[in-house]
């Protein structure tokens, strides 16, 4: 099952890293939900890069990826849950990046839930839920300081624990 989760995550990553030349404009809602980012885990699970930081639960294991856009890949084998974060240079608008990510997902046969807005640690994100082949992924997308970021996390659709873990992980994300 974890291989299926990885396959869905690969589709989400591919969609986020493709460009969309005919994408129109979208607008984001000014009444974005502010998400509480307080949950405690041991310091050894703080993972960071030059412009970002995230906290993983203690039982999660970091993985390696050959894709240079992937800055974080981690999994919880016990719940078959995977988290993937990408970062790529992006000079267009926030709205354009979000639209490209969502349109590319639809082209890969992913069922896309309603997109909404959230603010996590003072950064605006567009969030969406995706489903394909009984796998559910949550995604958070933003643009900050010339880079597009996408955080995707999920696992088997019936596993509500994985969705809860994903939401906790996302609320810990800090982009500087």
Foldseek 3Di string as FASTA:
>chain_A
DLVVVVVLVVLLVVLLPDADPPFDFDDADPPAAEDAQDDDADPVQWDDDPFKIWGAHPQKDWDDDPDPQWPTWIARVVLSKIKTKGKDFADDAFRNSVRSSVVSSVVVVKDKADWHWYAAPNFIWIWIWIDDPQKIKIKTWGDDPRMIMMMIMTGGNVRVVRVVSSSNRVNRMDGD
